[in-house]
Amino acid sequence: MKNNSPQKQAAISWIILMIGILLAVIGAMTAKEYRVNLCLLIGAMVVIGGIVYHLTMMKCPYCGCSLVGYRPIPKECPKCHKKFEE
């Protein structure tokens, strides 16, 4: 089985979100007269993509139980009780 630990998936989704926020901030700072520029639009789309990635990929690699909303990320699945690989 591939190492699809929830911690790894959460880290990937946070990286995607931070890149999107950075692009959106750069786009907002370089926009003229409150107009949407390409960098701001791409940043917003990357943020939306990061949210969708988080909602779809944060699940148990064994049983598929959703782990969205668990803070901190549990060390084992709350449904099947198998431990996640680090």
Protein backbone atom coordinates (compact mmCIF):
# COMPACT_ATOMS: atom_id res chain seq x y z
CA MET A 1 0.00 0.00 0.00
CA LYS A 2 1.25 3.46 -0.84
CA ASN A 3 2.01 5.86 1.98
CA ASN A 4 -1.17 7.93 1.79
CA SER A 5 -1.20 9.00 5.41
CA PRO A 6 -3.66 11.74 6.36
CA GLN A 7 -0.77 13.82 7.71
CA LYS A 8 0.85 13.80 4.27
CA GLN A 9 -2.43 14.70 2.55
CA ALA A 10 -3.02 17.55 5.03
CA ALA A 11 0.47 18.90 4.39
CA ILE A 12 -0.08 18.82 0.63
CA SER A 13 -3.42 20.63 0.93
CA TRP A 14 -1.86 23.30 3.17
CA ILE A 15 0.95 23.85 0.66
CA ILE A 16 -1.57 24.23 -2.17
CA LEU A 17 -3.60 26.70 -0.08
CA MET A 18 -0.54 28.78 0.83
CA ILE A 19 0.59 28.99 -2.80
CA GLY A 20 -2.91 30.10 -3.81
CA ILE A 21 -3.05 32.72 -1.07
CA LEU A 22 0.39 34.02 -2.04
CA LEU A 23 -0.66 34.32 -5.69
CA ALA A 24 -3.92 36.05 -4.72
CA VAL A 25 -2.10 38.55 -2.49
CA ILE A 26 0.43 39.32 -5.23
CA GLY A 27 -2.43 39.74 -7.69
CA ALA A 28 -4.34 42.01 -5.32
CA MET A 29 -1.28 44.16 -4.67
CA THR A 30 -0.50 44.59 -8.36
CA ALA A 31 -4.10 45.22 -9.47
CA LYS A 32 -4.90 48.71 -10.72
CA GLU A 33 -8.17 50.47 -9.93
CA TYR A 34 -9.80 47.48 -8.21
CA ARG A 35 -9.68 45.32 -11.31
CA VAL A 36 -9.17 41.57 -11.29
CA ASN A 37 -5.92 40.58 -12.91
CA LEU A 38 -4.70 37.17 -14.04
CA CYS A 39 -2.55 36.49 -10.96
CA LEU A 40 -5.45 37.18 -8.59
CA LEU A 41 -7.75 34.94 -10.60
CA ILE A 42 -5.22 32.10 -10.70
CA GLY A 43 -4.61 32.46 -6.96
CA ALA A 44 -8.33 32.21 -6.23
CA MET A 45 -8.63 29.11 -8.41
CA VAL A 46 -5.64 27.48 -6.66
CA VAL A 47 -7.22 28.20 -3.25
CA ILE A 48 -10.47 26.60 -4.38
CA GLY A 49 -8.48 23.64 -5.73
CA GLY A 50 -6.70 23.28 -2.39
CA ILE A 51 -10.01 23.22 -0.52
CA VAL A 52 -11.43 20.61 -2.90
CA TYR A 53 -8.24 18.54 -2.57
CA HIS A 54 -8.50 18.66 1.23
CA LEU A 55 -12.17 17.67 1.24
CA THR A 56 -11.64 14.75 -1.14
CA MET A 57 -8.28 13.37 0.01
CA MET A 58 -8.53 13.58 3.80
CA LYS A 59 -9.74 10.05 4.42
CA CYS A 60 -8.59 6.80 5.95
CA PRO A 61 -6.39 4.86 3.50
CA TYR A 62 -7.89 1.59 4.78
CA CYS A 63 -11.66 2.08 5.02
CA GLY A 64 -12.19 5.46 3.31
CA CYS A 65 -13.73 7.16 6.36
CA SER A 66 -13.61 10.96 6.02
CA LEU A 67 -11.23 12.71 8.40
CA VAL A 68 -12.30 16.24 7.50
CA GLY A 69 -12.94 18.22 10.66
CA TYR A 70 -10.74 16.20 13.02
CA ARG A 71 -8.27 18.47 14.77
CA PRO A 72 -5.61 17.38 15.44
CA ILE A 73 -5.41 14.69 12.81
CA PRO A 74 -5.89 11.38 14.67
CA LYS A 75 -3.15 8.75 14.85
CA GLU A 76 -5.67 6.00 14.01
CA CYS A 77 -8.93 5.81 12.11
CA PRO A 78 -11.96 6.58 14.31
CA LYS A 79 -13.99 4.00 12.37
CA CYS A 80 -11.73 0.99 11.69
CA HIS A 81 -9.12 1.79 14.41
CA LYS A 82 -6.11 1.00 12.20
CA LYS A 83 -3.02 3.10 12.87
CA PHE A 84 -1.78 5.43 10.12
CA GLU A 85 1.78 5.24 8.83
CA GLU A 86 3.91 8.29 9.55
